[in-house]
Amino acid sequence: MNGKIAVSALILTLLVVVSCTAPETGIPTPVAVLKSPQPTAIPEGTDIGDGGLLSGLPCTAPCVYGIRIGETQLDQVIPVLEQNGLSGCQTEESVSWIDITCGYRVVVQVERPTNIVNATGFYPSNLISLGEIIEKYGEPDYVFLQAEGTTEAPTSRISLCWDSLRMVIEMPEINSHTYALEETSTAEMVVFLDEAQFIDSSQVQFGEYYKSWEGYNTYQP
């Protein structure tokens, strides 16, 4: 269960490692993500609103812009995204994955050798609060806190995981090892994974990194 959704470095210069796919035991080991040359000027991302997370448009979660995990085939990805108003699609390939980024907002990962989508993700254009997400989908099953850096220059990122949709909400990185989640905290990225990549809460060993949902609270290693 070490698979990761590889997110293009072209998207807002962010490299995302989906925490809810880390090993169940031990300290999570970062997995290299695909890197592509930075354009001289990063184009503005397409306005995708909430990406359908709250509105259900153009399709309801875990569908993302017509892309369905375990169903959509590689040759269908770009046509479906373009039919839903996304353009400027770029493709990156590795031994294990084919990654397609459209509109500098939506990412689709296709598994080799099946050529079937096994992960999708998007960066919302609108601010989506954690309170709004929980109101619609209920409380997350668990969270994952990844703290890095030194005491003098600490950083951390927290992920919230929902078993029912195999959904991961990535929150923004902050300059602290203590992460305060509030109802008004906003999501940075929304990711959906297939069964092979997502770790169900029943498989998680809670401790320093994996933690039970404790509501709007402060989380630290």
N, C-alpha and C. Protein backbone atom coordinates (compact mmCIF):
# COMPACT_ATOMS: atom_id res chain seq x y z
N MET A 1 0.82 -1.20 0.00
CA MET A 1 0.00 0.00 0.00
C MET A 1 0.85 1.25 0.00
N ASN A 2 1.93 1.23 -0.76
CA ASN A 2 2.81 2.37 -0.80
C ASN A 2 2.56 3.24 -2.01
N GLY A 3 1.49 2.96 -2.79
CA GLY A 3 1.21 3.73 -3.97
C GLY A 3 0.88 5.16 -3.60
N LYS A 4 1.27 6.08 -4.45
CA LYS A 4 1.01 7.49 -4.22
C LYS A 4 0.43 8.09 -5.48
N ILE A 5 -0.43 9.05 -5.33
CA ILE A 5 -0.88 9.79 -6.50
C ILE A 5 0.19 10.82 -6.81
N ALA A 6 0.76 10.76 -7.99
CA ALA A 6 1.84 11.67 -8.38
C ALA A 6 1.23 12.91 -9.00
N VAL A 7 1.43 14.05 -8.37
CA VAL A 7 0.79 15.28 -8.81
C VAL A 7 1.80 16.15 -9.53
N SER A 8 1.44 16.64 -10.68
CA SER A 8 2.36 17.41 -11.51
C SER A 8 2.90 18.63 -10.79
N ALA A 9 4.20 18.87 -10.96
CA ALA A 9 4.82 20.06 -10.37
C ALA A 9 4.35 21.32 -11.05
N LEU A 10 3.67 21.19 -12.18
CA LEU A 10 3.17 22.37 -12.88
C LEU A 10 2.01 23.01 -12.15
N ILE A 11 1.31 22.27 -11.29
CA ILE A 11 0.13 22.82 -10.62
C ILE A 11 0.57 23.67 -9.45
N LEU A 12 0.51 24.97 -9.63
CA LEU A 12 0.81 25.91 -8.55
C LEU A 12 2.13 25.61 -7.87
N THR A 13 3.04 24.96 -8.57
CA THR A 13 4.37 24.55 -8.11
C THR A 13 4.32 23.63 -6.91
N LEU A 14 3.16 23.01 -6.65
CA LEU A 14 3.03 22.16 -5.49
C LEU A 14 3.33 20.72 -5.83
N LEU A 15 4.03 20.00 -4.94
CA LEU A 15 4.25 18.58 -5.05
C LEU A 15 3.52 17.93 -3.90
N VAL A 16 2.50 17.11 -4.20
CA VAL A 16 1.65 16.55 -3.16
C VAL A 16 1.96 15.09 -2.96
N VAL A 17 2.15 14.67 -1.71
CA VAL A 17 2.23 13.27 -1.34
C VAL A 17 1.00 12.96 -0.52
N VAL A 18 0.17 12.08 -1.00
CA VAL A 18 -1.08 11.78 -0.31
C VAL A 18 -0.81 10.92 0.91
N SER A 19 -1.00 11.49 2.08
CA SER A 19 -0.58 10.85 3.32
C SER A 19 -1.37 9.60 3.65
N CYS A 20 -2.63 9.52 3.25
CA CYS A 20 -3.44 8.37 3.62
C CYS A 20 -3.09 7.12 2.84
N THR A 21 -2.04 7.20 2.02
CA THR A 21 -1.57 6.02 1.33
C THR A 21 -0.23 5.54 1.88
N ALA A 22 0.23 6.15 2.97
CA ALA A 22 1.50 5.75 3.55
C ALA A 22 1.36 4.39 4.22
N PRO A 23 2.50 3.71 4.53
CA PRO A 23 2.44 2.41 5.19
C PRO A 23 1.71 2.49 6.52
N GLU A 24 1.08 1.39 6.94
CA GLU A 24 0.34 1.40 8.18
C GLU A 24 1.25 1.49 9.40
N THR A 25 2.47 1.03 9.30
CA THR A 25 3.36 1.01 10.45
C THR A 25 4.63 1.76 10.13
N GLY A 26 5.32 2.19 11.20
CA GLY A 26 6.59 2.86 11.03
C GLY A 26 6.39 4.30 10.59
N ILE A 27 7.51 5.01 10.43
CA ILE A 27 7.48 6.39 10.02
C ILE A 27 7.24 6.45 8.52
N PRO A 28 6.26 7.23 8.07
CA PRO A 28 5.98 7.29 6.65
C PRO A 28 7.21 7.70 5.84
N THR A 29 7.45 7.03 4.75
CA THR A 29 8.58 7.31 3.89
C THR A 29 8.12 8.08 2.67
N PRO A 30 8.62 9.29 2.47
CA PRO A 30 8.20 10.06 1.30
C PRO A 30 8.52 9.31 0.02
N VAL A 31 7.63 9.38 -0.94
CA VAL A 31 7.82 8.74 -2.22
C VAL A 31 8.01 9.82 -3.27
N ALA A 32 8.99 9.63 -4.14
CA ALA A 32 9.27 10.64 -5.14
C ALA A 32 8.07 10.82 -6.06
N VAL A 33 7.74 12.06 -6.35
CA VAL A 33 6.66 12.35 -7.28
C VAL A 33 7.25 12.87 -8.57
N LEU A 34 6.48 12.77 -9.63
CA LEU A 34 6.96 13.21 -10.92
C LEU A 34 7.24 14.70 -10.90
N LYS A 35 8.31 15.05 -11.53
CA LYS A 35 8.65 16.46 -11.64
C LYS A 35 8.77 16.81 -13.12
N SER A 36 8.22 17.95 -13.48
CA SER A 36 8.31 18.40 -14.86
C SER A 36 8.92 19.78 -14.87
N PRO A 37 9.59 20.16 -15.95
CA PRO A 37 10.21 21.49 -16.00
C PRO A 37 9.19 22.58 -15.78
N GLN A 38 9.56 23.55 -14.97
CA GLN A 38 8.66 24.67 -14.72
C GLN A 38 8.57 25.56 -15.95
N PRO A 39 7.37 25.93 -16.37
CA PRO A 39 7.26 26.90 -17.46
C PRO A 39 7.77 28.25 -16.99
N THR A 40 8.17 29.08 -17.93
CA THR A 40 8.70 30.40 -17.55
C THR A 40 7.64 31.22 -16.84
N ALA A 41 6.38 31.03 -17.22
CA ALA A 41 5.27 31.69 -16.53
C ALA A 41 4.17 30.67 -16.35
N ILE A 42 3.77 30.43 -15.09
CA ILE A 42 2.75 29.44 -14.82
C ILE A 42 1.39 30.02 -15.19
N PRO A 43 0.67 29.39 -16.14
CA PRO A 43 -0.64 29.92 -16.53
C PRO A 43 -1.62 29.88 -15.36
N GLU A 44 -2.56 30.79 -15.39
CA GLU A 44 -3.58 30.82 -14.35
C GLU A 44 -4.48 29.59 -14.48
N GLY A 45 -4.77 28.96 -13.36
CA GLY A 45 -5.59 27.76 -13.39
C GLY A 45 -7.02 28.06 -13.81
N THR A 46 -7.66 27.08 -14.44
CA THR A 46 -9.06 27.20 -14.83
C THR A 46 -9.93 27.35 -13.59
N ASP A 47 -10.95 28.18 -13.70
CA ASP A 47 -11.89 28.34 -12.58
C ASP A 47 -12.82 27.14 -12.55
N ILE A 48 -12.62 26.25 -11.57
CA ILE A 48 -13.46 25.06 -11.45
C ILE A 48 -14.39 25.13 -10.25
N GLY A 49 -14.48 26.29 -9.63
CA GLY A 49 -15.37 26.43 -8.49
C GLY A 49 -14.99 25.47 -7.37
N ASP A 50 -15.97 24.70 -6.91
CA ASP A 50 -15.68 23.74 -5.83
C ASP A 50 -15.34 22.35 -6.38
N GLY A 51 -15.19 22.25 -7.72
CA GLY A 51 -14.84 20.97 -8.32
C GLY A 51 -15.92 19.91 -8.17
N GLY A 52 -17.09 20.31 -7.74
CA GLY A 52 -18.19 19.37 -7.54
C GLY A 52 -18.27 18.81 -6.14
N LEU A 53 -17.32 19.15 -5.28
CA LEU A 53 -17.28 18.56 -3.94
C LEU A 53 -18.54 18.88 -3.15
N LEU A 54 -18.99 20.11 -3.20
CA LEU A 54 -20.21 20.50 -2.48
C LEU A 54 -21.42 20.59 -3.41
N SER A 55 -21.19 21.10 -4.61
CA SER A 55 -22.29 21.33 -5.54
C SER A 55 -22.73 20.08 -6.29
N GLY A 56 -21.83 19.11 -6.43
CA GLY A 56 -22.13 17.92 -7.22
C GLY A 56 -22.11 18.16 -8.71
N LEU A 57 -21.54 19.28 -9.14
CA LEU A 57 -21.48 19.62 -10.56
C LEU A 57 -20.03 19.71 -11.03
N PRO A 58 -19.67 19.10 -12.15
CA PRO A 58 -20.56 18.42 -13.10
C PRO A 58 -20.92 16.98 -12.70
N CYS A 59 -20.33 16.44 -11.64
CA CYS A 59 -20.74 15.12 -11.15
C CYS A 59 -20.39 15.04 -9.67
N THR A 60 -21.03 14.10 -8.98
CA THR A 60 -20.86 14.02 -7.53
C THR A 60 -19.67 13.14 -7.14
N ALA A 61 -19.07 13.46 -6.02
CA ALA A 61 -17.93 12.70 -5.50
C ALA A 61 -18.31 11.24 -5.28
N PRO A 62 -17.38 10.31 -5.61
CA PRO A 62 -15.98 10.52 -5.96
C PRO A 62 -15.70 10.75 -7.44
N CYS A 63 -16.73 10.96 -8.25
CA CYS A 63 -16.53 11.33 -9.65
C CYS A 63 -15.93 12.74 -9.70
N VAL A 64 -14.95 12.95 -10.58
CA VAL A 64 -14.33 14.26 -10.76
C VAL A 64 -14.37 14.61 -12.24
N TYR A 65 -15.18 15.59 -12.58
CA TYR A 65 -15.31 16.05 -13.97
C TYR A 65 -15.52 14.91 -14.96
N GLY A 66 -16.39 13.99 -14.58
CA GLY A 66 -16.73 12.88 -15.45
C GLY A 66 -15.78 11.70 -15.37
N ILE A 67 -14.71 11.82 -14.59
CA ILE A 67 -13.72 10.75 -14.45
C ILE A 67 -14.09 9.90 -13.25
N ARG A 68 -14.15 8.59 -13.46
CA ARG A 68 -14.53 7.65 -12.39
C ARG A 68 -13.42 6.62 -12.19
N ILE A 69 -12.97 6.53 -10.93
CA ILE A 69 -11.92 5.57 -10.58
C ILE A 69 -12.41 4.16 -10.83
N GLY A 70 -11.53 3.35 -11.43
CA GLY A 70 -11.85 1.96 -11.70
C GLY A 70 -12.70 1.75 -12.93
N GLU A 71 -13.11 2.82 -13.60
CA GLU A 71 -13.95 2.72 -14.79
C GLU A 71 -13.36 3.43 -16.00
N THR A 72 -12.98 4.69 -15.82
CA THR A 72 -12.51 5.48 -16.96
C THR A 72 -11.17 4.97 -17.47
N GLN A 73 -11.06 4.78 -18.78
CA GLN A 73 -9.85 4.29 -19.40
C GLN A 73 -8.98 5.44 -19.87
N LEU A 74 -7.71 5.14 -20.07
CA LEU A 74 -6.73 6.16 -20.43
C LEU A 74 -7.17 6.98 -21.64
N ASP A 75 -7.62 6.32 -22.69
CA ASP A 75 -7.97 7.06 -23.91
C ASP A 75 -9.24 7.88 -23.77
N GLN A 76 -9.95 7.72 -22.65
CA GLN A 76 -11.16 8.50 -22.42
C GLN A 76 -10.91 9.74 -21.57
N VAL A 77 -9.80 9.76 -20.87
CA VAL A 77 -9.57 10.80 -19.86
C VAL A 77 -9.62 12.20 -20.46
N ILE A 78 -8.75 12.50 -21.42
CA ILE A 78 -8.68 13.85 -21.96
C ILE A 78 -9.98 14.24 -22.68
N PRO A 79 -10.57 13.37 -23.51
CA PRO A 79 -11.85 13.76 -24.13
C PRO A 79 -12.93 14.07 -23.10
N VAL A 80 -13.03 13.29 -22.03
CA VAL A 80 -14.05 13.54 -21.01
C VAL A 80 -13.80 14.87 -20.31
N LEU A 81 -12.55 15.14 -19.95
CA LEU A 81 -12.22 16.39 -19.28
C LEU A 81 -12.51 17.58 -20.20
N GLU A 82 -12.16 17.45 -21.48
CA GLU A 82 -12.41 18.54 -22.42
C GLU A 82 -13.90 18.75 -22.63
N GLN A 83 -14.68 17.68 -22.63
CA GLN A 83 -16.14 17.81 -22.74
C GLN A 83 -16.72 18.58 -21.56
N ASN A 84 -16.03 18.52 -20.43
CA ASN A 84 -16.48 19.21 -19.23
C ASN A 84 -15.79 20.57 -19.04
N GLY A 85 -15.22 21.09 -20.13
CA GLY A 85 -14.72 22.45 -20.11
C GLY A 85 -13.28 22.64 -19.68
N LEU A 86 -12.53 21.55 -19.52
CA LEU A 86 -11.13 21.67 -19.13
C LEU A 86 -10.24 21.51 -20.35
N SER A 87 -9.20 22.32 -20.43
CA SER A 87 -8.30 22.26 -21.58
C SER A 87 -6.86 22.37 -21.11
N GLY A 88 -5.95 22.40 -22.08
CA GLY A 88 -4.54 22.52 -21.74
C GLY A 88 -4.02 21.30 -21.01
N CYS A 89 -4.49 20.11 -21.41
CA CYS A 89 -4.08 18.88 -20.72
C CYS A 89 -2.63 18.53 -21.03
N GLN A 90 -1.90 18.11 -20.02
CA GLN A 90 -0.51 17.69 -20.16
C GLN A 90 -0.36 16.30 -19.56
N THR A 91 0.51 15.52 -20.15
CA THR A 91 0.71 14.14 -19.71
C THR A 91 2.15 13.90 -19.29
N GLU A 92 2.32 13.20 -18.17
CA GLU A 92 3.63 12.76 -17.71
C GLU A 92 3.55 11.26 -17.48
N GLU A 93 4.64 10.56 -17.77
CA GLU A 93 4.61 9.11 -17.66
C GLU A 93 5.78 8.60 -16.82
N SER A 94 5.51 7.53 -16.09
CA SER A 94 6.54 6.82 -15.36
C SER A 94 6.33 5.34 -15.60
N VAL A 95 7.14 4.53 -14.95
CA VAL A 95 7.01 3.09 -15.13
C VAL A 95 5.66 2.59 -14.63
N SER A 96 5.17 3.18 -13.54
CA SER A 96 3.95 2.70 -12.89
C SER A 96 2.71 3.50 -13.22
N TRP A 97 2.88 4.80 -13.49
CA TRP A 97 1.72 5.67 -13.63
C TRP A 97 1.77 6.50 -14.89
N ILE A 98 0.61 6.94 -15.33
CA ILE A 98 0.47 7.99 -16.34
C ILE A 98 -0.36 9.08 -15.68
N ASP A 99 0.17 10.28 -15.65
CA ASP A 99 -0.49 11.38 -14.96
C ASP A 99 -0.92 12.45 -15.95
N ILE A 100 -2.16 12.85 -15.87
CA ILE A 100 -2.72 13.84 -16.78
C ILE A 100 -3.22 15.02 -15.96
N THR A 101 -2.76 16.21 -16.30
CA THR A 101 -3.16 17.43 -15.63
C THR A 101 -3.90 18.33 -16.61
N CYS A 102 -5.09 18.78 -16.25
CA CYS A 102 -5.87 19.65 -17.14
C CYS A 102 -6.27 20.93 -16.42
N GLY A 103 -6.13 22.03 -17.12
CA GLY A 103 -6.54 23.31 -16.56
C GLY A 103 -5.71 23.74 -15.37
N TYR A 104 -4.58 23.09 -15.17
CA TYR A 104 -3.74 23.38 -14.01
C TYR A 104 -4.51 23.27 -12.69
N ARG A 105 -5.56 22.44 -12.69
CA ARG A 105 -6.39 22.25 -11.50
C ARG A 105 -6.70 20.79 -11.24
N VAL A 106 -6.98 20.04 -12.28
CA VAL A 106 -7.46 18.66 -12.14
C VAL A 106 -6.38 17.68 -12.54
N VAL A 107 -6.14 16.68 -11.69
CA VAL A 107 -5.12 15.68 -11.93
C VAL A 107 -5.77 14.30 -11.97
N VAL A 108 -5.38 13.51 -12.95
CA VAL A 108 -5.88 12.14 -13.08
C VAL A 108 -4.69 11.21 -13.18
N GLN A 109 -4.70 10.16 -12.38
CA GLN A 109 -3.63 9.17 -12.42
C GLN A 109 -4.16 7.86 -12.99
N VAL A 110 -3.47 7.34 -13.99
CA VAL A 110 -3.85 6.09 -14.65
C VAL A 110 -2.79 5.04 -14.34
N GLU A 111 -3.25 3.87 -13.97
CA GLU A 111 -2.34 2.79 -13.59
C GLU A 111 -1.88 2.01 -14.82
N ARG A 112 -0.61 1.72 -14.87
CA ARG A 112 -0.09 0.77 -15.84
C ARG A 112 -0.10 -0.61 -15.17
N PRO A 113 -0.34 -1.73 -15.84
CA PRO A 113 -0.60 -1.84 -17.27
C PRO A 113 -2.09 -1.87 -17.61
N THR A 114 -2.96 -1.60 -16.62
CA THR A 114 -4.40 -1.72 -16.88
C THR A 114 -4.93 -0.57 -17.72
N ASN A 115 -4.25 0.59 -17.67
CA ASN A 115 -4.73 1.80 -18.34
C ASN A 115 -6.10 2.25 -17.84
N ILE A 116 -6.33 2.00 -16.54
CA ILE A 116 -7.57 2.42 -15.89
C ILE A 116 -7.23 3.45 -14.81
N VAL A 117 -8.07 4.46 -14.67
CA VAL A 117 -7.86 5.50 -13.66
C VAL A 117 -7.91 4.89 -12.26
N ASN A 118 -6.89 5.20 -11.45
CA ASN A 118 -6.89 4.71 -10.07
C ASN A 118 -6.81 5.83 -9.03
N ALA A 119 -6.75 7.07 -9.49
CA ALA A 119 -6.74 8.19 -8.56
C ALA A 119 -7.09 9.47 -9.30
N THR A 120 -7.78 10.36 -8.61
CA THR A 120 -8.09 11.68 -9.17
C THR A 120 -7.90 12.72 -8.07
N GLY A 121 -7.67 13.94 -8.48
CA GLY A 121 -7.53 15.01 -7.50
C GLY A 121 -7.74 16.36 -8.14
N PHE A 122 -8.04 17.35 -7.33
CA PHE A 122 -8.19 18.69 -7.88
C PHE A 122 -7.93 19.74 -6.81
N TYR A 123 -7.50 20.90 -7.29
CA TYR A 123 -7.33 22.08 -6.46
C TYR A 123 -8.55 22.97 -6.67
N PRO A 124 -9.42 23.12 -5.67
CA PRO A 124 -10.61 23.96 -5.85
C PRO A 124 -10.23 25.41 -6.15
N SER A 125 -11.03 26.06 -6.99
CA SER A 125 -10.87 27.49 -7.21
C SER A 125 -11.50 28.28 -6.07
N ASN A 126 -12.61 27.76 -5.56
CA ASN A 126 -13.30 28.41 -4.44
C ASN A 126 -12.70 27.96 -3.11
N LEU A 127 -12.82 28.80 -2.12
CA LEU A 127 -12.44 28.41 -0.78
C LEU A 127 -13.51 27.48 -0.22
N ILE A 128 -13.09 26.29 0.20
CA ILE A 128 -14.01 25.32 0.78
C ILE A 128 -13.57 25.07 2.22
N SER A 129 -14.45 25.37 3.15
CA SER A 129 -14.08 25.23 4.56
C SER A 129 -14.24 23.79 5.02
N LEU A 130 -13.49 23.44 6.03
CA LEU A 130 -13.61 22.11 6.62
C LEU A 130 -15.00 21.90 7.19
N GLY A 131 -15.59 22.95 7.73
CA GLY A 131 -16.94 22.86 8.26
C GLY A 131 -17.95 22.48 7.19
N GLU A 132 -17.80 23.04 5.99
CA GLU A 132 -18.70 22.72 4.88
C GLU A 132 -18.55 21.27 4.44
N ILE A 133 -17.31 20.79 4.42
CA ILE A 133 -17.05 19.41 4.01
C ILE A 133 -17.67 18.44 5.01
N ILE A 134 -17.47 18.71 6.30
CA ILE A 134 -18.00 17.82 7.33
C ILE A 134 -19.52 17.87 7.36
N GLU A 135 -20.09 19.03 7.11
CA GLU A 135 -21.54 19.13 7.07
C GLU A 135 -22.13 18.23 5.98
N LYS A 136 -21.43 18.11 4.84
CA LYS A 136 -21.92 17.31 3.73
C LYS A 136 -21.58 15.84 3.85
N TYR A 137 -20.36 15.51 4.32
CA TYR A 137 -19.88 14.14 4.29
C TYR A 137 -19.71 13.49 5.66
N GLY A 138 -19.94 14.25 6.71
CA GLY A 138 -19.72 13.72 8.04
C GLY A 138 -18.27 13.88 8.47
N GLU A 139 -17.98 13.45 9.67
CA GLU A 139 -16.63 13.60 10.20
C GLU A 139 -15.65 12.63 9.54
N PRO A 140 -14.39 13.04 9.39
CA PRO A 140 -13.39 12.12 8.84
C PRO A 140 -13.16 10.94 9.77
N ASP A 141 -12.69 9.83 9.21
CA ASP A 141 -12.43 8.64 10.02
C ASP A 141 -11.10 8.75 10.76
N TYR A 142 -10.16 9.44 10.19
CA TYR A 142 -8.88 9.67 10.88
C TYR A 142 -8.11 10.77 10.17
N VAL A 143 -7.04 11.21 10.81
CA VAL A 143 -6.18 12.23 10.21
C VAL A 143 -4.74 11.74 10.23
N PHE A 144 -3.96 12.36 9.38
CA PHE A 144 -2.53 12.04 9.31
C PHE A 144 -1.76 13.34 9.39
N LEU A 145 -0.84 13.44 10.34
CA LEU A 145 -0.04 14.65 10.52
C LEU A 145 1.40 14.35 10.15
N GLN A 146 1.91 15.10 9.20
CA GLN A 146 3.30 14.93 8.77
C GLN A 146 4.08 16.19 9.13
N ALA A 147 4.97 16.06 10.09
CA ALA A 147 5.77 17.20 10.56
C ALA A 147 7.19 17.06 10.03
N GLU A 148 7.72 18.13 9.51
CA GLU A 148 9.07 18.12 8.96
C GLU A 148 9.82 19.38 9.41
N GLY A 149 11.06 19.48 8.97
CA GLY A 149 11.86 20.65 9.30
C GLY A 149 12.43 20.58 10.70
N THR A 150 13.15 21.61 11.06
CA THR A 150 13.81 21.69 12.35
C THR A 150 12.95 22.48 13.34
N THR A 151 13.42 22.50 14.58
CA THR A 151 12.73 23.29 15.60
C THR A 151 12.72 24.77 15.22
N GLU A 152 13.81 25.20 14.58
CA GLU A 152 13.92 26.60 14.18
C GLU A 152 13.07 26.89 12.94
N ALA A 153 12.88 25.90 12.09
CA ALA A 153 12.12 26.10 10.85
C ALA A 153 11.15 24.93 10.64
N PRO A 154 10.15 24.82 11.52
CA PRO A 154 9.24 23.68 11.43
C PRO A 154 8.18 23.86 10.35
N THR A 155 7.75 22.76 9.76
CA THR A 155 6.61 22.76 8.85
C THR A 155 5.77 21.52 9.14
N SER A 156 4.50 21.58 8.81
CA SER A 156 3.66 20.41 8.93
C SER A 156 2.49 20.52 7.97
N ARG A 157 1.95 19.36 7.63
CA ARG A 157 0.79 19.26 6.75
C ARG A 157 -0.13 18.19 7.34
N ILE A 158 -1.42 18.41 7.25
CA ILE A 158 -2.35 17.44 7.80
C ILE A 158 -3.34 17.00 6.72
N SER A 159 -3.66 15.71 6.73
CA SER A 159 -4.60 15.13 5.78
C SER A 159 -5.76 14.54 6.56
N LEU A 160 -6.97 14.69 6.03
CA LEU A 160 -8.15 14.11 6.65
C LEU A 160 -8.71 13.06 5.71
N CYS A 161 -9.06 11.89 6.26
CA CYS A 161 -9.39 10.73 5.43
C CYS A 161 -10.78 10.18 5.74
N TRP A 162 -11.57 9.99 4.69
CA TRP A 162 -12.92 9.43 4.79
C TRP A 162 -12.95 8.05 4.13
N ASP A 163 -13.24 7.02 4.92
CA ASP A 163 -13.26 5.65 4.38
C ASP A 163 -14.32 5.47 3.29
N SER A 164 -15.51 6.01 3.50
CA SER A 164 -16.65 5.71 2.64
C SER A 164 -16.41 6.08 1.18
N LEU A 165 -15.73 7.19 0.94
CA LEU A 165 -15.45 7.64 -0.42
C LEU A 165 -13.99 7.45 -0.80
N ARG A 166 -13.20 6.90 0.13
CA ARG A 166 -11.74 6.84 -0.05
C ARG A 166 -11.26 8.24 -0.48
N MET A 167 -11.68 9.20 0.31
CA MET A 167 -11.39 10.61 0.03
C MET A 167 -10.35 11.15 1.01
N VAL A 168 -9.44 11.94 0.48
CA VAL A 168 -8.42 12.60 1.28
C VAL A 168 -8.53 14.11 1.04
N ILE A 169 -8.63 14.86 2.11
CA ILE A 169 -8.59 16.32 2.02
C ILE A 169 -7.24 16.77 2.54
N GLU A 170 -6.44 17.35 1.66
CA GLU A 170 -5.13 17.86 2.04
C GLU A 170 -5.28 19.32 2.47
N MET A 171 -4.81 19.63 3.68
CA MET A 171 -4.84 20.99 4.18
C MET A 171 -3.51 21.68 3.87
N PRO A 172 -3.47 22.99 3.84
CA PRO A 172 -2.25 23.71 3.49
C PRO A 172 -1.11 23.44 4.48
N GLU A 173 0.10 23.52 3.98
CA GLU A 173 1.29 23.40 4.84
C GLU A 173 1.41 24.67 5.68
N ILE A 174 1.82 24.49 6.95
CA ILE A 174 2.02 25.63 7.84
C ILE A 174 3.42 25.59 8.43
N ASN A 175 3.86 26.69 8.98
CA ASN A 175 5.20 26.78 9.56
C ASN A 175 5.17 26.51 11.06
N SER A 176 4.76 25.30 11.39
CA SER A 176 4.68 24.90 12.79
C SER A 176 4.53 23.39 12.85
N HIS A 177 4.91 22.78 13.97
CA HIS A 177 4.68 21.36 14.18
C HIS A 177 3.36 21.11 14.91
N THR A 178 2.67 22.18 15.26
CA THR A 178 1.35 22.08 15.89
C THR A 178 0.32 22.60 14.91
N TYR A 179 -0.64 21.73 14.55
CA TYR A 179 -1.61 22.09 13.52
C TYR A 179 -2.99 22.25 14.14
N ALA A 180 -3.53 23.45 14.05
CA ALA A 180 -4.85 23.74 14.60
C ALA A 180 -5.89 23.65 13.49
N LEU A 181 -6.83 22.73 13.63
CA LEU A 181 -7.93 22.60 12.67
C LEU A 181 -9.15 23.32 13.21
N GLU A 182 -9.70 24.20 12.40
CA GLU A 182 -10.88 24.96 12.79
C GLU A 182 -11.98 24.74 11.76
N GLU A 183 -13.19 25.09 12.12
CA GLU A 183 -14.31 24.94 11.20
C GLU A 183 -14.09 25.76 9.94
N THR A 184 -13.35 26.86 10.07
CA THR A 184 -13.10 27.75 8.93
C THR A 184 -11.84 27.40 8.15
N SER A 185 -11.08 26.39 8.60
CA SER A 185 -9.88 25.98 7.86
C SER A 185 -10.27 25.56 6.46
N THR A 186 -9.46 25.94 5.46
CA THR A 186 -9.83 25.68 4.07
C THR A 186 -8.98 24.58 3.45
N ALA A 187 -9.60 23.81 2.58
CA ALA A 187 -8.93 22.69 1.91
C ALA A 187 -8.02 23.20 0.80
N GLU A 188 -6.87 22.56 0.65
CA GLU A 188 -5.97 22.90 -0.44
C GLU A 188 -6.20 21.99 -1.64
N MET A 189 -6.37 20.68 -1.38
CA MET A 189 -6.56 19.72 -2.47
C MET A 189 -7.50 18.61 -2.03
N VAL A 190 -8.26 18.10 -2.99
CA VAL A 190 -9.18 16.99 -2.76
C VAL A 190 -8.71 15.82 -3.60
N VAL A 191 -8.58 14.64 -2.99
CA VAL A 191 -8.07 13.46 -3.70
C VAL A 191 -8.98 12.27 -3.45
N PHE A 192 -9.21 11.48 -4.49
CA PHE A 192 -9.93 10.22 -4.38
C PHE A 192 -9.03 9.10 -4.87
N LEU A 193 -9.01 7.98 -4.14
CA LEU A 193 -8.10 6.88 -4.44
C LEU A 193 -8.86 5.58 -4.63
N ASP A 194 -8.24 4.64 -5.32
CA ASP A 194 -8.86 3.32 -5.42
C ASP A 194 -8.56 2.52 -4.16
N GLU A 195 -9.18 1.36 -4.07
CA GLU A 195 -9.06 0.54 -2.86
C GLU A 195 -7.64 0.10 -2.59
N ALA A 196 -6.85 -0.10 -3.64
CA ALA A 196 -5.47 -0.57 -3.46
C ALA A 196 -4.58 0.49 -2.84
N GLN A 197 -4.91 1.76 -3.02
CA GLN A 197 -4.05 2.84 -2.54
C GLN A 197 -4.49 3.42 -1.21
N PHE A 198 -5.76 3.36 -0.92
CA PHE A 198 -6.27 3.99 0.29
C PHE A 198 -6.19 3.02 1.47
N ILE A 199 -5.75 3.53 2.61
CA ILE A 199 -5.70 2.72 3.82
C ILE A 199 -6.96 3.00 4.65
N ASP A 200 -7.75 1.98 4.83
CA ASP A 200 -8.96 2.08 5.64
C ASP A 200 -8.59 2.29 7.11
N SER A 201 -9.45 2.99 7.84
CA SER A 201 -9.16 3.27 9.24
C SER A 201 -8.98 1.99 10.07
N SER A 202 -9.61 0.90 9.65
CA SER A 202 -9.47 -0.37 10.38
C SER A 202 -8.07 -0.94 10.27
N GLN A 203 -7.28 -0.45 9.32
CA GLN A 203 -5.92 -0.94 9.12
C GLN A 203 -4.86 -0.04 9.73
N VAL A 204 -5.29 1.08 10.27
CA VAL A 204 -4.34 2.08 10.76
C VAL A 204 -3.94 1.80 12.20
N GLN A 205 -2.66 1.95 12.49
CA GLN A 205 -2.17 1.91 13.87
C GLN A 205 -1.96 3.36 14.32
N PHE A 206 -2.80 3.82 15.22
CA PHE A 206 -2.75 5.21 15.64
C PHE A 206 -1.58 5.46 16.57
N GLY A 207 -1.03 6.66 16.46
CA GLY A 207 0.13 6.99 17.27
C GLY A 207 0.62 8.39 16.96
N GLU A 208 1.91 8.50 16.68
CA GLU A 208 2.53 9.80 16.50
C GLU A 208 2.03 10.51 15.23
N TYR A 209 1.81 9.72 14.18
CA TYR A 209 1.45 10.31 12.89
C TYR A 209 -0.02 10.12 12.56
N TYR A 210 -0.52 8.90 12.66
CA TYR A 210 -1.94 8.64 12.42
C TYR A 210 -2.71 8.91 13.71
N LYS A 211 -3.79 9.69 13.61
CA LYS A 211 -4.52 10.07 14.80
C LYS A 211 -6.03 9.98 14.55
N SER A 212 -6.74 9.62 15.60
CA SER A 212 -8.19 9.62 15.51
C SER A 212 -8.68 11.06 15.35
N TRP A 213 -9.81 11.21 14.71
CA TRP A 213 -10.42 12.53 14.58
C TRP A 213 -10.87 13.00 15.96
N GLU A 214 -10.37 14.14 16.38
CA GLU A 214 -10.70 14.69 17.69
C GLU A 214 -11.44 16.01 17.56
N GLY A 215 -12.11 16.19 16.45
CA GLY A 215 -12.86 17.40 16.23
C GLY A 215 -11.97 18.58 15.88
N TYR A 216 -12.56 19.75 15.92
CA TYR A 216 -11.79 20.97 15.67
C TYR A 216 -10.88 21.16 16.87
N ASN A 217 -9.62 20.86 16.65
CA ASN A 217 -8.70 20.77 17.77
C ASN A 217 -7.28 21.04 17.27
N THR A 218 -6.35 20.96 18.18
CA THR A 218 -4.93 21.10 17.85
C THR A 218 -4.28 19.73 17.79
N TYR A 219 -3.58 19.45 16.70
CA TYR A 219 -2.93 18.16 16.50
C TYR A 219 -1.41 18.36 16.42
N GLN A 220 -0.69 17.46 17.07
CA GLN A 220 0.76 17.51 17.02
C GLN A 220 1.34 16.12 17.21
N PRO A 221 2.58 15.88 16.72
CA PRO A 221 3.18 14.55 16.85
C PRO A 221 3.34 14.15 18.31
